[in-house]
N, C-alpha and C. Protein backbone atom coordinates (compact mmCIF):
# COMPACT_ATOMS: atom_id res chain seq x y z
N MET A 1 58.96 -35.35 44.11
CA MET A 1 57.97 -35.46 43.02
C MET A 1 57.94 -33.74 42.51
N ARG A 2 57.60 -33.94 41.21
CA ARG A 2 57.51 -32.41 40.47
C ARG A 2 56.07 -31.77 40.92
N LYS A 3 56.29 -30.43 41.30
CA LYS A 3 55.01 -29.71 41.67
C LYS A 3 53.66 -29.98 40.91
N ASN A 4 53.97 -29.76 39.67
CA ASN A 4 52.91 -30.04 38.39
C ASN A 4 52.19 -31.47 38.70
N LEU A 5 53.04 -32.36 38.76
CA LEU A 5 52.49 -34.01 39.02
C LEU A 5 51.60 -33.84 40.23
N LYS A 6 52.21 -33.50 41.53
CA LYS A 6 51.42 -33.38 42.68
C LYS A 6 50.10 -32.66 42.48
N ILE A 7 50.22 -31.79 41.74
CA ILE A 7 48.71 -30.94 41.52
C ILE A 7 47.74 -31.71 40.89
N TYR A 8 48.48 -32.10 39.87
CA TYR A 8 47.57 -33.06 38.92
C TYR A 8 46.93 -34.28 39.63
N GLN A 9 47.85 -34.67 40.20
CA GLN A 9 47.32 -35.83 41.09
C GLN A 9 46.29 -35.65 41.89
N GLN A 10 46.39 -34.43 42.73
CA GLN A 10 45.11 -34.00 43.59
C GLN A 10 44.03 -33.62 42.89
N MET A 11 44.31 -32.77 41.63
CA MET A 11 43.05 -32.41 40.93
C MET A 11 42.31 -33.33 40.51
N SER A 12 43.00 -34.32 39.91
CA SER A 12 42.40 -35.24 39.11
C SER A 12 41.53 -36.20 39.91
N ARG A 13 41.37 -36.30 41.04
CA ARG A 13 40.75 -37.33 41.78
C ARG A 13 39.31 -36.35 42.34
N LEU A 14 39.31 -34.92 41.90
CA LEU A 14 37.89 -34.18 42.01
C LEU A 14 36.91 -34.29 40.78
N PRO A 15 35.75 -34.32 41.02
CA PRO A 15 34.97 -34.18 39.96
C PRO A 15 35.42 -32.81 38.94
N PHE A 16 35.36 -33.39 37.81
CA PHE A 16 35.96 -31.93 36.85
C PHE A 16 37.49 -31.67 36.93
N GLY A 17 38.08 -32.57 38.00
CA GLY A 17 39.42 -32.09 38.27
C GLY A 17 40.62 -32.03 37.04
N ASN A 18 40.41 -33.01 36.26
CA ASN A 18 41.13 -32.97 34.77
C ASN A 18 40.81 -31.81 33.93
N LYS A 19 39.44 -31.34 33.84
CA LYS A 19 39.12 -30.13 33.08
C LYS A 19 39.94 -28.65 34.04
N LEU A 20 39.62 -28.75 35.41
CA LEU A 20 40.34 -27.69 36.08
C LEU A 20 41.51 -27.52 35.99
N PHE A 21 42.27 -28.91 35.89
CA PHE A 21 43.97 -28.67 35.80
C PHE A 21 44.17 -28.01 34.61
N SER A 22 43.51 -28.38 33.54
CA SER A 22 43.76 -28.12 32.16
C SER A 22 43.39 -26.44 31.91
N PHE A 23 42.42 -26.05 32.49
CA PHE A 23 42.19 -24.75 32.55
C PHE A 23 43.21 -24.11 33.27
N VAL A 24 43.66 -24.23 34.56
CA VAL A 24 44.97 -23.62 35.04
C VAL A 24 45.99 -23.73 34.10
N VAL A 25 46.34 -24.67 33.57
CA VAL A 25 47.62 -24.54 32.54
C VAL A 25 47.62 -23.67 31.49
N CYS A 26 46.37 -23.62 31.01
CA CYS A 26 46.07 -22.62 29.91
C CYS A 26 46.10 -21.15 30.40
N ARG A 27 45.70 -20.82 31.74
CA ARG A 27 45.93 -19.77 32.45
C ARG A 27 47.59 -19.44 32.43
N LEU A 28 48.36 -20.29 32.74
CA LEU A 28 49.65 -20.20 32.98
C LEU A 28 50.55 -19.92 31.59
N ALA A 29 50.00 -20.65 30.55
CA ALA A 29 50.62 -20.76 29.34
C ALA A 29 49.20 -20.54 28.48
N PRO A 30 48.81 -19.24 28.04
CA PRO A 30 47.68 -18.47 27.44
C PRO A 30 47.34 -19.39 25.98
N TYR A 31 48.95 -19.58 25.31
CA TYR A 31 48.26 -19.79 23.86
C TYR A 31 47.83 -21.22 23.78
N PHE A 32 47.99 -22.12 24.88
CA PHE A 32 47.31 -23.59 24.81
C PHE A 32 45.90 -23.35 24.87
N GLY A 33 45.53 -22.31 25.30
CA GLY A 33 43.69 -22.19 25.37
C GLY A 33 43.39 -21.87 24.09
N SER A 34 43.93 -21.81 23.31
CA SER A 34 43.40 -21.61 21.75
C SER A 34 42.95 -23.10 21.40
N ILE A 35 43.31 -23.99 21.75
CA ILE A 35 42.80 -25.41 21.36
C ILE A 35 41.87 -26.06 22.53
N LYS A 36 41.64 -25.29 23.68
CA LYS A 36 40.94 -25.89 24.68
C LYS A 36 41.34 -27.36 24.83
N PRO A 37 42.45 -27.59 25.76
CA PRO A 37 42.69 -29.06 25.61
C PRO A 37 42.38 -29.77 27.19
N LYS A 38 42.33 -30.99 27.17
CA LYS A 38 42.21 -31.43 28.48
C LYS A 38 43.06 -32.72 28.67
N VAL A 39 43.99 -32.39 29.83
CA VAL A 39 45.05 -33.39 30.09
C VAL A 39 44.15 -34.50 30.88
N THR A 40 44.39 -35.69 30.03
CA THR A 40 43.36 -36.71 30.67
C THR A 40 44.49 -37.80 31.48
N ALA A 41 46.03 -37.74 31.21
CA ALA A 41 46.69 -38.62 31.91
C ALA A 41 47.79 -37.61 32.04
N LEU A 42 48.79 -37.96 33.17
CA LEU A 42 49.72 -37.43 33.49
C LEU A 42 50.81 -38.33 34.44
N LYS A 43 51.87 -38.76 34.19
CA LYS A 43 52.65 -39.57 35.01
C LYS A 43 54.19 -39.19 34.55
N PRO A 44 55.07 -39.67 35.12
CA PRO A 44 56.48 -39.78 34.50
C PRO A 44 56.59 -40.52 33.46
N GLY A 45 56.82 -40.13 32.28
CA GLY A 45 57.04 -41.05 31.13
C GLY A 45 56.16 -40.96 30.29
N TYR A 46 54.82 -40.51 30.59
CA TYR A 46 53.55 -40.38 29.94
C TYR A 46 52.72 -39.47 30.09
N ALA A 47 51.94 -38.88 28.89
CA ALA A 47 51.00 -37.53 29.17
C ALA A 47 50.10 -37.90 28.04
N GLU A 48 48.93 -37.72 28.26
CA GLU A 48 47.61 -37.83 27.05
C GLU A 48 46.92 -36.45 27.34
N VAL A 49 46.64 -36.01 26.31
CA VAL A 49 45.83 -34.69 25.90
C VAL A 49 44.91 -34.82 24.76
N ILE A 50 43.68 -34.52 25.27
CA ILE A 50 42.69 -34.45 24.09
C ILE A 50 42.16 -32.97 23.61
N ILE A 51 41.57 -33.11 22.46
CA ILE A 51 40.84 -31.88 21.92
C ILE A 51 39.80 -32.18 21.45
N LYS A 52 38.65 -31.54 21.42
CA LYS A 52 37.47 -31.71 20.48
C LYS A 52 37.78 -30.92 19.15
N LYS A 53 37.28 -31.83 18.04
CA LYS A 53 36.98 -31.17 16.58
C LYS A 53 35.97 -30.20 16.92
N ARG A 54 36.22 -28.75 16.87
CA ARG A 54 35.21 -27.63 16.86
C ARG A 54 35.89 -26.70 15.95
N ARG A 55 34.98 -25.86 15.39
CA ARG A 55 35.34 -24.97 14.50
C ARG A 55 36.45 -24.14 14.58
N ARG A 56 36.70 -23.73 15.78
CA ARG A 56 37.99 -23.04 16.26
C ARG A 56 39.35 -23.61 15.95
N VAL A 57 39.29 -24.96 15.67
CA VAL A 57 40.66 -25.62 15.55
C VAL A 57 40.50 -26.20 13.72
N THR A 58 39.59 -25.99 13.23
CA THR A 58 39.39 -26.33 12.11
C THR A 58 40.01 -25.64 10.71
N ASN A 59 40.34 -26.35 9.53
CA ASN A 59 40.73 -25.54 8.49
C ASN A 59 39.87 -25.33 7.31
N HIS A 60 40.17 -24.82 6.19
CA HIS A 60 39.20 -24.67 5.32
C HIS A 60 38.63 -26.24 4.73
N LEU A 61 39.43 -27.26 5.02
CA LEU A 61 38.71 -28.66 4.53
C LEU A 61 37.96 -29.21 5.57
N ASN A 62 37.75 -28.58 6.91
CA ASN A 62 36.87 -28.84 8.02
C ASN A 62 37.82 -30.22 8.57
N THR A 63 38.94 -30.17 8.63
CA THR A 63 39.72 -30.90 9.42
C THR A 63 40.37 -30.24 10.55
N VAL A 64 41.02 -30.89 11.40
CA VAL A 64 41.63 -30.22 12.61
C VAL A 64 42.95 -29.42 11.89
N HIS A 65 43.27 -28.34 12.20
CA HIS A 65 44.30 -27.73 11.62
C HIS A 65 45.70 -28.24 12.16
N ALA A 66 46.65 -28.30 11.23
CA ALA A 66 47.86 -28.65 11.49
C ALA A 66 48.55 -28.26 12.77
N ILE A 67 48.41 -26.88 13.01
CA ILE A 67 49.16 -26.06 13.91
C ILE A 67 48.23 -26.53 15.26
N ALA A 68 47.21 -26.74 15.34
CA ALA A 68 46.64 -27.05 16.44
C ALA A 68 46.85 -28.44 16.98
N MET A 69 47.33 -29.61 15.89
CA MET A 69 47.95 -30.62 16.36
C MET A 69 49.30 -30.54 16.93
N CYS A 70 49.88 -29.46 16.10
CA CYS A 70 51.20 -29.21 16.85
C CYS A 70 51.53 -28.58 18.36
N ASN A 71 50.18 -27.76 18.62
CA ASN A 71 50.31 -27.05 19.76
C ASN A 71 49.84 -28.38 20.93
N MET A 72 48.66 -29.22 20.44
CA MET A 72 48.39 -30.07 21.37
C MET A 72 49.57 -31.15 21.66
N ALA A 73 50.55 -31.48 20.57
CA ALA A 73 51.79 -32.21 20.89
C ALA A 73 52.74 -31.51 21.78
N GLU A 74 52.88 -30.24 21.66
CA GLU A 74 54.01 -29.65 22.62
C GLU A 74 53.49 -29.60 23.91
N LEU A 75 51.94 -29.23 24.39
CA LEU A 75 51.69 -29.36 25.43
C LEU A 75 51.62 -30.84 26.06
N ALA A 76 51.56 -31.87 25.30
CA ALA A 76 51.62 -33.34 25.99
C ALA A 76 52.95 -33.51 26.19
N GLY A 77 54.06 -33.15 25.19
CA GLY A 77 55.24 -33.56 25.51
C GLY A 77 56.00 -32.76 26.41
N GLY A 78 55.28 -31.41 26.55
CA GLY A 78 56.08 -30.36 27.70
C GLY A 78 55.73 -30.88 29.05
N MET A 79 54.07 -31.30 29.25
CA MET A 79 53.64 -31.78 30.39
C MET A 79 54.46 -33.18 30.90
N MET A 80 54.50 -33.90 29.92
CA MET A 80 55.29 -35.24 30.30
C MET A 80 56.69 -34.80 30.66
N THR A 81 57.53 -34.08 29.94
CA THR A 81 58.76 -33.82 30.37
C THR A 81 59.00 -33.12 31.90
N ASP A 82 58.09 -32.23 31.84
CA ASP A 82 58.15 -31.33 33.23
C ASP A 82 57.97 -32.58 34.55
N VAL A 83 57.04 -33.59 34.31
CA VAL A 83 56.82 -34.28 35.52
C VAL A 83 57.87 -35.64 35.44
N SER A 84 58.73 -35.81 34.38
CA SER A 84 59.65 -36.77 34.27
C SER A 84 60.95 -36.43 34.81
N ILE A 85 61.50 -35.05 34.60
CA ILE A 85 62.75 -34.67 34.90
C ILE A 85 62.98 -34.36 36.55
N PRO A 86 64.10 -34.74 36.96
CA PRO A 86 64.35 -34.51 38.39
C PRO A 86 63.81 -33.13 38.93
N VAL A 87 63.66 -32.96 40.30
CA VAL A 87 63.14 -31.93 40.79
C VAL A 87 63.62 -30.63 40.57
N LYS A 88 65.31 -30.91 40.61
CA LYS A 88 65.95 -29.52 40.61
C LYS A 88 66.65 -29.41 39.21
N SER A 89 65.50 -29.38 38.23
CA SER A 89 65.89 -29.13 36.76
C SER A 89 65.04 -28.24 36.11
N ARG A 90 65.52 -27.82 34.91
CA ARG A 90 64.49 -27.02 33.82
C ARG A 90 64.51 -27.84 32.67
N TRP A 91 63.46 -27.19 31.86
CA TRP A 91 63.56 -27.67 30.44
C TRP A 91 62.87 -26.65 29.70
N ILE A 92 63.33 -26.70 28.17
CA ILE A 92 62.56 -25.98 27.20
C ILE A 92 62.58 -26.67 25.91
N PRO A 93 61.33 -26.34 25.20
CA PRO A 93 61.41 -26.86 23.86
C PRO A 93 62.59 -26.28 22.78
N VAL A 94 63.28 -26.56 22.14
CA VAL A 94 64.25 -26.20 21.24
C VAL A 94 64.03 -26.57 19.83
N GLY A 95 62.86 -27.52 19.62
CA GLY A 95 62.78 -28.09 18.13
C GLY A 95 61.68 -28.83 18.14
N MET A 96 61.12 -29.13 16.83
CA MET A 96 59.96 -29.94 16.57
C MET A 96 59.89 -30.60 15.35
N THR A 97 59.88 -31.57 15.10
CA THR A 97 59.92 -32.06 13.72
C THR A 97 58.42 -32.81 13.63
N VAL A 98 57.73 -32.81 12.63
CA VAL A 98 56.33 -33.31 12.38
C VAL A 98 56.12 -34.26 11.32
N GLU A 99 55.13 -34.97 11.39
CA GLU A 99 54.57 -35.49 10.16
C GLU A 99 53.24 -35.55 10.35
N TYR A 100 52.33 -34.93 8.96
CA TYR A 100 51.05 -34.93 8.79
C TYR A 100 50.77 -36.22 8.32
N LEU A 101 50.36 -37.43 8.56
CA LEU A 101 49.95 -38.64 7.99
C LEU A 101 48.60 -38.74 7.50
N LYS A 102 47.64 -38.24 8.03
CA LYS A 102 46.28 -38.25 7.62
C LYS A 102 45.37 -37.30 8.23
N LYS A 103 44.17 -36.98 7.41
CA LYS A 103 43.56 -35.79 7.69
C LYS A 103 42.61 -36.13 9.12
N ALA A 104 42.72 -35.09 9.98
CA ALA A 104 42.10 -35.31 11.12
C ALA A 104 40.71 -34.81 11.24
N LYS A 105 39.86 -35.91 10.93
CA LYS A 105 38.64 -35.43 10.81
C LYS A 105 37.51 -35.62 12.26
N THR A 106 38.17 -36.10 13.27
CA THR A 106 37.38 -36.14 14.76
C THR A 106 38.17 -35.47 15.85
N ASP A 107 37.65 -35.76 17.05
CA ASP A 107 38.50 -35.41 17.88
C ASP A 107 39.76 -36.00 18.02
N LEU A 108 40.68 -35.61 18.96
CA LEU A 108 42.10 -36.01 18.98
C LEU A 108 42.57 -36.31 20.43
N THR A 109 43.48 -37.28 20.20
CA THR A 109 44.28 -37.65 21.61
C THR A 109 45.75 -37.72 21.35
N ALA A 110 46.38 -36.86 22.22
CA ALA A 110 47.69 -36.89 21.98
C ALA A 110 48.42 -37.50 22.98
N HIS A 111 49.44 -38.44 22.66
CA HIS A 111 50.14 -39.65 23.55
C HIS A 111 51.51 -39.08 23.44
N ALA A 112 52.00 -38.34 24.60
CA ALA A 112 53.66 -37.97 24.80
C ALA A 112 54.07 -39.65 25.54
N LYS A 113 55.10 -40.26 24.83
CA LYS A 113 55.65 -41.31 25.73
C LYS A 113 57.05 -41.28 25.92
N GLY A 114 57.63 -41.10 27.01
CA GLY A 114 58.99 -40.94 27.28
C GLY A 114 59.63 -41.73 28.47
N GLU A 115 58.97 -43.01 28.38
CA GLU A 115 59.42 -43.96 29.52
C GLU A 115 60.75 -44.68 28.93
N ASN A 116 61.32 -44.38 27.82
CA ASN A 116 62.55 -45.05 27.20
C ASN A 116 63.70 -43.95 27.19
N ILE A 117 63.23 -42.59 27.88
CA ILE A 117 64.29 -41.56 27.71
C ILE A 117 64.94 -41.57 29.19
N ASP A 118 66.39 -41.13 28.90
CA ASP A 118 67.11 -41.07 30.34
C ASP A 118 66.81 -39.58 30.91
N TRP A 119 66.10 -39.53 31.85
CA TRP A 119 65.86 -37.97 32.35
C TRP A 119 66.71 -37.77 33.26
N ASN A 120 67.64 -38.56 33.65
CA ASN A 120 68.73 -38.06 34.97
C ASN A 120 69.85 -37.63 34.32
N THR A 121 69.81 -37.36 33.16
CA THR A 121 71.05 -36.53 32.60
C THR A 121 70.72 -35.39 31.68
N GLU A 122 71.45 -34.28 31.75
CA GLU A 122 71.27 -33.10 31.11
C GLU A 122 71.22 -33.14 29.49
N GLY A 123 70.67 -32.15 28.87
CA GLY A 123 70.97 -32.20 27.43
C GLY A 123 69.83 -32.29 26.87
N ASP A 124 69.75 -32.44 25.37
CA ASP A 124 68.74 -32.47 24.62
C ASP A 124 68.12 -34.06 24.66
N LYS A 125 66.52 -33.90 24.73
CA LYS A 125 66.02 -35.32 24.85
C LYS A 125 64.92 -35.22 23.84
N LEU A 126 64.74 -36.23 22.94
CA LEU A 126 63.79 -36.40 21.85
C LEU A 126 62.44 -36.88 22.49
N VAL A 127 61.63 -36.28 22.46
CA VAL A 127 60.27 -36.58 23.05
C VAL A 127 59.25 -36.82 21.73
N PRO A 128 58.97 -38.21 21.72
CA PRO A 128 58.00 -38.60 20.77
C PRO A 128 56.49 -38.40 21.05
N VAL A 129 55.59 -37.59 20.36
CA VAL A 129 54.23 -37.81 20.45
C VAL A 129 53.30 -38.03 19.17
N GLU A 130 52.41 -38.90 19.65
CA GLU A 130 51.49 -39.43 18.52
C GLU A 130 50.17 -38.99 18.81
N VAL A 131 49.46 -38.55 17.67
CA VAL A 131 48.06 -38.12 17.88
C VAL A 131 47.52 -38.89 17.17
N LYS A 132 46.19 -39.50 17.70
CA LYS A 132 45.32 -40.39 17.10
C LYS A 132 43.88 -39.83 17.09
N ASP A 133 43.14 -40.16 15.97
CA ASP A 133 41.61 -39.74 15.83
C ASP A 133 40.85 -40.72 16.72
N THR A 134 39.59 -40.76 16.89
CA THR A 134 38.64 -41.18 17.66
C THR A 134 38.70 -43.04 17.32
N ASP A 135 39.10 -43.31 16.10
CA ASP A 135 39.02 -44.54 15.62
C ASP A 135 40.46 -45.24 15.85
N GLY A 136 41.39 -44.51 16.55
CA GLY A 136 42.53 -45.09 17.01
C GLY A 136 43.62 -44.79 15.55
N ASN A 137 43.27 -44.22 14.68
CA ASN A 137 43.95 -43.95 13.33
C ASN A 137 45.26 -42.95 13.78
N LEU A 138 46.59 -43.44 13.48
CA LEU A 138 47.56 -42.18 13.67
C LEU A 138 47.46 -41.21 12.68
N VAL A 139 47.05 -39.98 13.14
CA VAL A 139 47.08 -38.81 12.12
C VAL A 139 48.39 -37.89 12.02
N PHE A 140 48.92 -38.07 13.24
CA PHE A 140 50.08 -36.91 13.11
C PHE A 140 51.01 -37.50 13.97
N ARG A 141 52.23 -37.24 13.76
CA ARG A 141 53.40 -37.63 14.76
C ARG A 141 54.41 -36.53 15.02
N ALA A 142 55.11 -36.12 16.15
CA ALA A 142 55.99 -35.26 16.47
C ALA A 142 57.21 -35.85 17.26
N GLU A 143 58.22 -35.21 16.80
CA GLU A 143 59.27 -35.51 17.72
C GLU A 143 59.71 -34.17 18.40
N ILE A 144 59.61 -34.08 19.64
CA ILE A 144 60.18 -32.68 20.17
C ILE A 144 61.32 -32.45 20.89
N THR A 145 62.35 -31.77 20.63
CA THR A 145 63.72 -31.85 21.19
C THR A 145 63.44 -30.92 22.37
N MET A 146 63.60 -31.31 23.63
CA MET A 146 63.54 -30.74 24.94
C MET A 146 65.01 -30.51 25.45
N ASN A 147 65.39 -29.35 25.72
CA ASN A 147 66.52 -29.14 26.46
C ASN A 147 66.49 -29.22 27.98
N VAL A 148 67.10 -30.07 28.61
CA VAL A 148 66.96 -30.21 29.83
C VAL A 148 68.12 -29.56 30.83
N ARG A 149 68.10 -28.92 31.64
CA ARG A 149 69.26 -28.34 32.43
C ARG A 149 69.00 -28.62 33.93
N PHE A 150 69.95 -29.06 34.79
CA PHE A 150 70.19 -29.13 36.24
C PHE A 150 70.45 -27.84 36.79
N THR A 151 69.56 -27.65 37.72
CA THR A 151 69.72 -26.19 38.49
C THR A 151 70.78 -26.42 39.81
């Protein structure tokens, strides 16, 4: 089992464990702190991250900024990749294609889904991430290319 998955499983059982885990992730990768994310689900092949719509992540239209959605997609996709790949391997994002589908006017949830990806081989993996608003409307879609290498 990957270290981050073990830590997540232990912490998520505690009161405020998901919030604490998310805080630790943001300390290790500080840029993610700009969106104040909360990792609400994490397992091989799946991750879920939420952000609140607040002034810091909005644009001049009072909608969630495009780059804030890119940031949460990269976090969800990266966390899911990290807990899905074999123990003796590494990964790095090498590209991202995004689609802005609808104005993001509410809190958002990113879903990274990798259950159909072969994680037992090296190379580039295309990780799909969808971001939905509180009504379940798809507002943003990303495909993140993660390069996986065995060590």
